[in-house]
Amino acid sequence: MIILKKLTTAQSITFIPRELAATTIILRNESTNIETTINATFYLNDYYLTTTNIYNLEENTFYNLTVKNGSNIVYKDKIFCTNQVVEDYTVNKNQYVANVTTNEFKIYE
């Protein structure tokens, strides 16, 4: 899974494709099912392709990523958009507080 932020500046995606060339990116929002096609420039670095683009993403949303070379699919993945720090990410941020209890369970035979 690729993690991107909701930004108005360019972000990079690096991946290992099935073919060493690509021309377009298709992003499909999993919530609304709307597809966006981006004609992108890809750079080859060893076995990796890298592209840098500005993505119009909504925070806390999953996207299906499809990279094509002409009509051939060369890479598929998921993208999750969040502005939280990935290492500290929680789906419950500022929404849920756990109650601390001192439950002591005893097992009787």
N, C-alpha and C. Protein backbone atom coordinates (compact mmCIF):
# COMPACT_ATOMS: atom_id res chain seq x y z
N MET A 1 0.84 -1.17 0.00
CA MET A 1 0.00 0.00 0.00
C MET A 1 0.89 1.23 0.00
N ILE A 2 0.49 2.23 -0.75
CA ILE A 2 1.20 3.49 -0.85
C ILE A 2 0.46 4.51 -0.01
N ILE A 3 1.19 5.26 0.80
CA ILE A 3 0.60 6.30 1.63
C ILE A 3 0.97 7.65 1.04
N LEU A 4 -0.04 8.46 0.71
CA LEU A 4 0.19 9.82 0.22
C LEU A 4 -0.55 10.80 1.12
N LYS A 5 -0.16 12.06 1.03
CA LYS A 5 -0.79 13.11 1.83
C LYS A 5 -1.69 13.97 0.95
N LYS A 6 -2.62 14.67 1.61
CA LYS A 6 -3.46 15.62 0.89
C LYS A 6 -2.67 16.92 0.80
N LEU A 7 -1.97 17.11 -0.32
CA LEU A 7 -1.12 18.27 -0.54
C LEU A 7 -1.41 18.88 -1.90
N THR A 8 -1.01 20.13 -2.05
CA THR A 8 -1.13 20.79 -3.35
C THR A 8 0.22 20.83 -4.06
N THR A 9 1.21 20.13 -3.50
CA THR A 9 2.53 20.03 -4.12
C THR A 9 2.73 18.61 -4.63
N ALA A 10 3.77 18.44 -5.44
CA ALA A 10 4.03 17.15 -6.07
C ALA A 10 4.51 16.11 -5.06
N GLN A 11 4.09 14.85 -5.28
CA GLN A 11 4.51 13.71 -4.47
C GLN A 11 4.98 12.61 -5.41
N SER A 12 5.94 11.81 -4.94
CA SER A 12 6.52 10.76 -5.76
C SER A 12 5.97 9.39 -5.40
N ILE A 13 5.85 8.56 -6.42
CA ILE A 13 5.49 7.15 -6.26
C ILE A 13 6.59 6.34 -6.94
N THR A 14 7.13 5.35 -6.24
CA THR A 14 8.16 4.46 -6.78
C THR A 14 7.67 3.03 -6.65
N PHE A 15 7.84 2.24 -7.71
CA PHE A 15 7.33 0.86 -7.70
C PHE A 15 8.12 0.00 -8.68
N ILE A 16 7.97 -1.31 -8.54
CA ILE A 16 8.57 -2.26 -9.48
C ILE A 16 7.48 -2.72 -10.43
N PRO A 17 7.56 -2.35 -11.70
CA PRO A 17 6.49 -2.67 -12.66
C PRO A 17 6.70 -4.03 -13.35
N ARG A 18 5.69 -4.46 -14.07
CA ARG A 18 5.79 -5.68 -14.88
C ARG A 18 6.61 -5.42 -16.14
N GLU A 19 6.51 -4.20 -16.67
CA GLU A 19 7.31 -3.75 -17.82
C GLU A 19 8.07 -2.52 -17.36
N LEU A 20 9.18 -2.22 -18.01
CA LEU A 20 10.00 -1.08 -17.58
C LEU A 20 9.62 0.21 -18.29
N ALA A 21 8.34 0.38 -18.59
CA ALA A 21 7.85 1.61 -19.20
C ALA A 21 6.40 1.81 -18.79
N ALA A 22 5.97 3.07 -18.72
CA ALA A 22 4.58 3.37 -18.38
C ALA A 22 4.24 4.75 -18.94
N THR A 23 2.93 4.98 -19.13
CA THR A 23 2.50 6.25 -19.70
C THR A 23 1.40 6.94 -18.90
N THR A 24 0.51 6.17 -18.26
CA THR A 24 -0.63 6.79 -17.57
C THR A 24 -0.86 6.17 -16.19
N ILE A 25 -1.48 6.99 -15.33
CA ILE A 25 -1.90 6.56 -14.00
C ILE A 25 -3.42 6.71 -13.94
N ILE A 26 -4.09 5.69 -13.42
CA ILE A 26 -5.54 5.77 -13.21
C ILE A 26 -5.79 5.59 -11.72
N LEU A 27 -6.41 6.60 -11.11
CA LEU A 27 -6.78 6.54 -9.70
C LEU A 27 -8.29 6.41 -9.60
N ARG A 28 -8.76 5.40 -8.88
CA ARG A 28 -10.20 5.23 -8.67
C ARG A 28 -10.49 5.36 -7.19
N ASN A 29 -11.31 6.34 -6.84
CA ASN A 29 -11.74 6.56 -5.47
C ASN A 29 -12.66 5.40 -5.08
N GLU A 30 -12.32 4.68 -4.00
CA GLU A 30 -13.12 3.52 -3.61
C GLU A 30 -14.47 3.91 -3.02
N SER A 31 -14.59 5.13 -2.52
CA SER A 31 -15.86 5.57 -1.93
C SER A 31 -16.86 6.02 -2.99
N THR A 32 -16.38 6.80 -3.95
CA THR A 32 -17.28 7.37 -4.96
C THR A 32 -17.22 6.65 -6.30
N ASN A 33 -16.21 5.78 -6.49
CA ASN A 33 -16.02 5.05 -7.74
C ASN A 33 -15.69 5.96 -8.92
N ILE A 34 -15.18 7.15 -8.67
CA ILE A 34 -14.80 8.09 -9.73
C ILE A 34 -13.35 7.86 -10.11
N GLU A 35 -13.10 7.74 -11.41
CA GLU A 35 -11.74 7.52 -11.90
C GLU A 35 -11.13 8.81 -12.41
N THR A 36 -9.83 8.97 -12.15
CA THR A 36 -9.06 10.11 -12.65
C THR A 36 -7.87 9.55 -13.40
N THR A 37 -7.66 10.02 -14.63
CA THR A 37 -6.54 9.56 -15.44
C THR A 37 -5.50 10.68 -15.50
N ILE A 38 -4.25 10.31 -15.24
CA ILE A 38 -3.14 11.27 -15.26
C ILE A 38 -2.11 10.79 -16.27
N ASN A 39 -1.80 11.63 -17.24
CA ASN A 39 -0.70 11.33 -18.17
C ASN A 39 0.58 11.76 -17.47
N ALA A 40 1.41 10.80 -17.14
CA ALA A 40 2.58 11.06 -16.29
C ALA A 40 3.87 10.74 -17.02
N THR A 41 4.95 11.30 -16.49
CA THR A 41 6.29 10.99 -16.95
C THR A 41 6.93 10.08 -15.92
N PHE A 42 7.50 8.98 -16.38
CA PHE A 42 8.10 7.99 -15.49
C PHE A 42 9.60 7.94 -15.74
N TYR A 43 10.35 7.75 -14.66
CA TYR A 43 11.80 7.66 -14.74
C TYR A 43 12.24 6.28 -14.28
N LEU A 44 13.15 5.67 -15.03
CA LEU A 44 13.64 4.33 -14.71
C LEU A 44 14.89 4.44 -13.86
N ASN A 45 14.91 3.71 -12.73
CA ASN A 45 16.06 3.65 -11.84
C ASN A 45 16.24 2.19 -11.46
N ASP A 46 17.21 1.50 -12.07
CA ASP A 46 17.40 0.06 -11.93
C ASP A 46 16.11 -0.65 -12.34
N TYR A 47 15.43 -1.33 -11.41
CA TYR A 47 14.19 -2.03 -11.73
C TYR A 47 12.96 -1.25 -11.29
N TYR A 48 13.14 -0.02 -10.85
CA TYR A 48 12.04 0.79 -10.33
C TYR A 48 11.63 1.85 -11.33
N LEU A 49 10.33 2.15 -11.34
CA LEU A 49 9.82 3.32 -12.05
C LEU A 49 9.39 4.33 -11.00
N THR A 50 9.68 5.60 -11.25
CA THR A 50 9.30 6.67 -10.34
C THR A 50 8.58 7.74 -11.14
N THR A 51 7.53 8.27 -10.55
CA THR A 51 6.81 9.38 -11.14
C THR A 51 6.51 10.39 -10.04
N THR A 52 6.53 11.65 -10.40
CA THR A 52 6.23 12.73 -9.46
C THR A 52 5.11 13.58 -10.07
N ASN A 53 4.00 13.66 -9.33
CA ASN A 53 2.82 14.37 -9.82
C ASN A 53 2.09 15.04 -8.66
N ILE A 54 1.16 15.90 -9.01
CA ILE A 54 0.25 16.48 -8.03
C ILE A 54 -1.04 15.66 -8.12
N TYR A 55 -1.44 15.06 -6.99
CA TYR A 55 -2.61 14.21 -6.96
C TYR A 55 -3.72 14.93 -6.18
N ASN A 56 -4.91 14.94 -6.72
CA ASN A 56 -6.06 15.55 -6.05
C ASN A 56 -6.74 14.48 -5.21
N LEU A 57 -6.31 14.37 -3.94
CA LEU A 57 -6.78 13.29 -3.07
C LEU A 57 -7.58 13.85 -1.90
N GLU A 58 -8.48 13.03 -1.38
CA GLU A 58 -9.25 13.37 -0.18
C GLU A 58 -8.65 12.62 1.00
N GLU A 59 -8.56 13.29 2.14
CA GLU A 59 -7.98 12.67 3.32
C GLU A 59 -8.86 11.54 3.84
N ASN A 60 -8.20 10.51 4.38
CA ASN A 60 -8.85 9.30 4.92
C ASN A 60 -9.66 8.55 3.87
N THR A 61 -9.12 8.49 2.67
CA THR A 61 -9.80 7.82 1.55
C THR A 61 -8.84 6.84 0.88
N PHE A 62 -9.38 5.70 0.48
CA PHE A 62 -8.61 4.70 -0.26
C PHE A 62 -8.84 4.89 -1.75
N TYR A 63 -7.77 4.64 -2.52
CA TYR A 63 -7.82 4.71 -3.98
C TYR A 63 -7.20 3.45 -4.56
N ASN A 64 -7.73 2.99 -5.69
CA ASN A 64 -7.10 1.92 -6.46
C ASN A 64 -6.20 2.58 -7.49
N LEU A 65 -4.94 2.16 -7.52
CA LEU A 65 -3.96 2.71 -8.44
C LEU A 65 -3.71 1.69 -9.54
N THR A 66 -3.82 2.14 -10.78
CA THR A 66 -3.49 1.31 -11.93
C THR A 66 -2.54 2.12 -12.82
N VAL A 67 -1.38 1.55 -13.11
CA VAL A 67 -0.41 2.19 -13.99
C VAL A 67 -0.39 1.41 -15.29
N LYS A 68 -0.51 2.12 -16.41
CA LYS A 68 -0.56 1.47 -17.71
C LYS A 68 0.55 1.97 -18.63
N ASN A 69 0.96 1.07 -19.52
CA ASN A 69 1.83 1.42 -20.63
C ASN A 69 1.02 1.17 -21.89
N GLY A 70 0.43 2.24 -22.43
CA GLY A 70 -0.53 2.07 -23.51
C GLY A 70 -1.79 1.41 -22.96
N SER A 71 -2.11 0.22 -23.44
CA SER A 71 -3.27 -0.50 -22.91
C SER A 71 -2.87 -1.62 -21.95
N ASN A 72 -1.56 -1.85 -21.77
CA ASN A 72 -1.08 -2.91 -20.86
C ASN A 72 -0.99 -2.39 -19.43
N ILE A 73 -1.52 -3.17 -18.50
CA ILE A 73 -1.40 -2.83 -17.08
C ILE A 73 -0.03 -3.29 -16.61
N VAL A 74 0.77 -2.34 -16.07
CA VAL A 74 2.11 -2.68 -15.63
C VAL A 74 2.24 -2.69 -14.11
N TYR A 75 1.25 -2.12 -13.39
CA TYR A 75 1.32 -2.10 -11.93
C TYR A 75 -0.05 -1.79 -11.36
N LYS A 76 -0.39 -2.46 -10.24
CA LYS A 76 -1.63 -2.18 -9.52
C LYS A 76 -1.31 -2.14 -8.03
N ASP A 77 -1.96 -1.23 -7.33
CA ASP A 77 -1.74 -1.10 -5.89
C ASP A 77 -2.89 -0.31 -5.30
N LYS A 78 -2.83 -0.08 -3.98
CA LYS A 78 -3.79 0.76 -3.28
C LYS A 78 -3.06 1.97 -2.74
N ILE A 79 -3.77 3.09 -2.69
CA ILE A 79 -3.25 4.31 -2.09
C ILE A 79 -4.18 4.69 -0.96
N PHE A 80 -3.60 5.11 0.16
CA PHE A 80 -4.38 5.66 1.26
C PHE A 80 -3.88 7.07 1.49
N CYS A 81 -4.80 8.01 1.56
CA CYS A 81 -4.46 9.42 1.76
C CYS A 81 -4.68 9.78 3.23
N THR A 82 -3.61 10.25 3.90
CA THR A 82 -3.70 10.72 5.27
C THR A 82 -2.62 11.75 5.51
N ASN A 83 -2.93 12.74 6.34
CA ASN A 83 -1.93 13.74 6.73
C ASN A 83 -1.32 13.42 8.08
N GLN A 84 -1.76 12.33 8.71
CA GLN A 84 -1.16 11.91 9.96
C GLN A 84 0.23 11.32 9.70
N VAL A 85 1.08 11.36 10.71
CA VAL A 85 2.38 10.71 10.62
C VAL A 85 2.12 9.20 10.56
N VAL A 86 2.69 8.54 9.58
CA VAL A 86 2.38 7.13 9.33
C VAL A 86 2.71 6.26 10.55
N GLU A 87 3.82 6.53 11.22
CA GLU A 87 4.21 5.71 12.37
C GLU A 87 3.23 5.86 13.52
N ASP A 88 2.57 7.02 13.64
CA ASP A 88 1.64 7.29 14.73
C ASP A 88 0.18 7.18 14.30
N TYR A 89 -0.08 6.68 13.09
CA TYR A 89 -1.44 6.68 12.54
C TYR A 89 -2.38 5.83 13.38
N THR A 90 -3.57 6.36 13.60
CA THR A 90 -4.64 5.61 14.24
C THR A 90 -5.96 6.05 13.62
N VAL A 91 -6.84 5.10 13.38
CA VAL A 91 -8.14 5.44 12.80
C VAL A 91 -9.02 6.17 13.81
N ASN A 92 -8.69 6.09 15.08
CA ASN A 92 -9.50 6.69 16.14
C ASN A 92 -8.94 8.02 16.63
N LYS A 93 -8.05 8.65 15.91
CA LYS A 93 -7.40 9.86 16.39
C LYS A 93 -8.43 10.90 16.83
N ASN A 94 -8.32 11.33 18.08
CA ASN A 94 -9.17 12.36 18.69
C ASN A 94 -10.65 11.98 18.72
N GLN A 95 -10.99 10.72 18.59
CA GLN A 95 -12.38 10.32 18.58
C GLN A 95 -12.74 9.31 19.66
N TYR A 96 -11.79 8.57 20.13
CA TYR A 96 -12.10 7.47 21.04
C TYR A 96 -11.08 7.45 22.17
N VAL A 97 -11.57 7.35 23.38
CA VAL A 97 -10.68 7.23 24.53
C VAL A 97 -11.03 5.92 25.24
N ALA A 98 -10.05 5.07 25.41
CA ALA A 98 -10.28 3.77 26.04
C ALA A 98 -10.36 3.95 27.55
N ASN A 99 -11.27 3.22 28.17
CA ASN A 99 -11.39 3.22 29.62
C ASN A 99 -10.40 2.23 30.20
N VAL A 100 -9.68 2.67 31.21
CA VAL A 100 -8.72 1.79 31.87
C VAL A 100 -9.42 1.15 33.06
N THR A 101 -9.39 -0.17 33.12
CA THR A 101 -10.02 -0.89 34.22
C THR A 101 -9.01 -1.83 34.86
N THR A 102 -9.33 -2.27 36.02
CA THR A 102 -8.48 -3.24 36.71
C THR A 102 -9.25 -4.54 36.87
N ASN A 103 -9.70 -5.08 35.78
CA ASN A 103 -10.43 -6.35 35.81
C ASN A 103 -9.50 -7.46 36.28
N GLU A 104 -9.97 -8.20 37.25
CA GLU A 104 -9.24 -9.35 37.72
C GLU A 104 -10.12 -10.57 37.55
N PHE A 105 -9.74 -11.45 36.68
CA PHE A 105 -10.53 -12.63 36.41
C PHE A 105 -9.99 -13.80 37.21
N LYS A 106 -10.88 -14.54 37.82
CA LYS A 106 -10.50 -15.72 38.57
C LYS A 106 -11.17 -16.93 37.94
N ILE A 107 -10.42 -17.96 37.78
CA ILE A 107 -10.94 -19.19 37.20
C ILE A 107 -11.07 -20.21 38.32
N TYR A 108 -12.29 -20.74 38.51
CA TYR A 108 -12.55 -21.74 39.54
C TYR A 108 -12.75 -23.10 38.87
N GLU A 109 -12.22 -24.09 39.49
CA GLU A 109 -12.39 -25.43 38.94
C GLU A 109 -13.39 -26.22 39.71
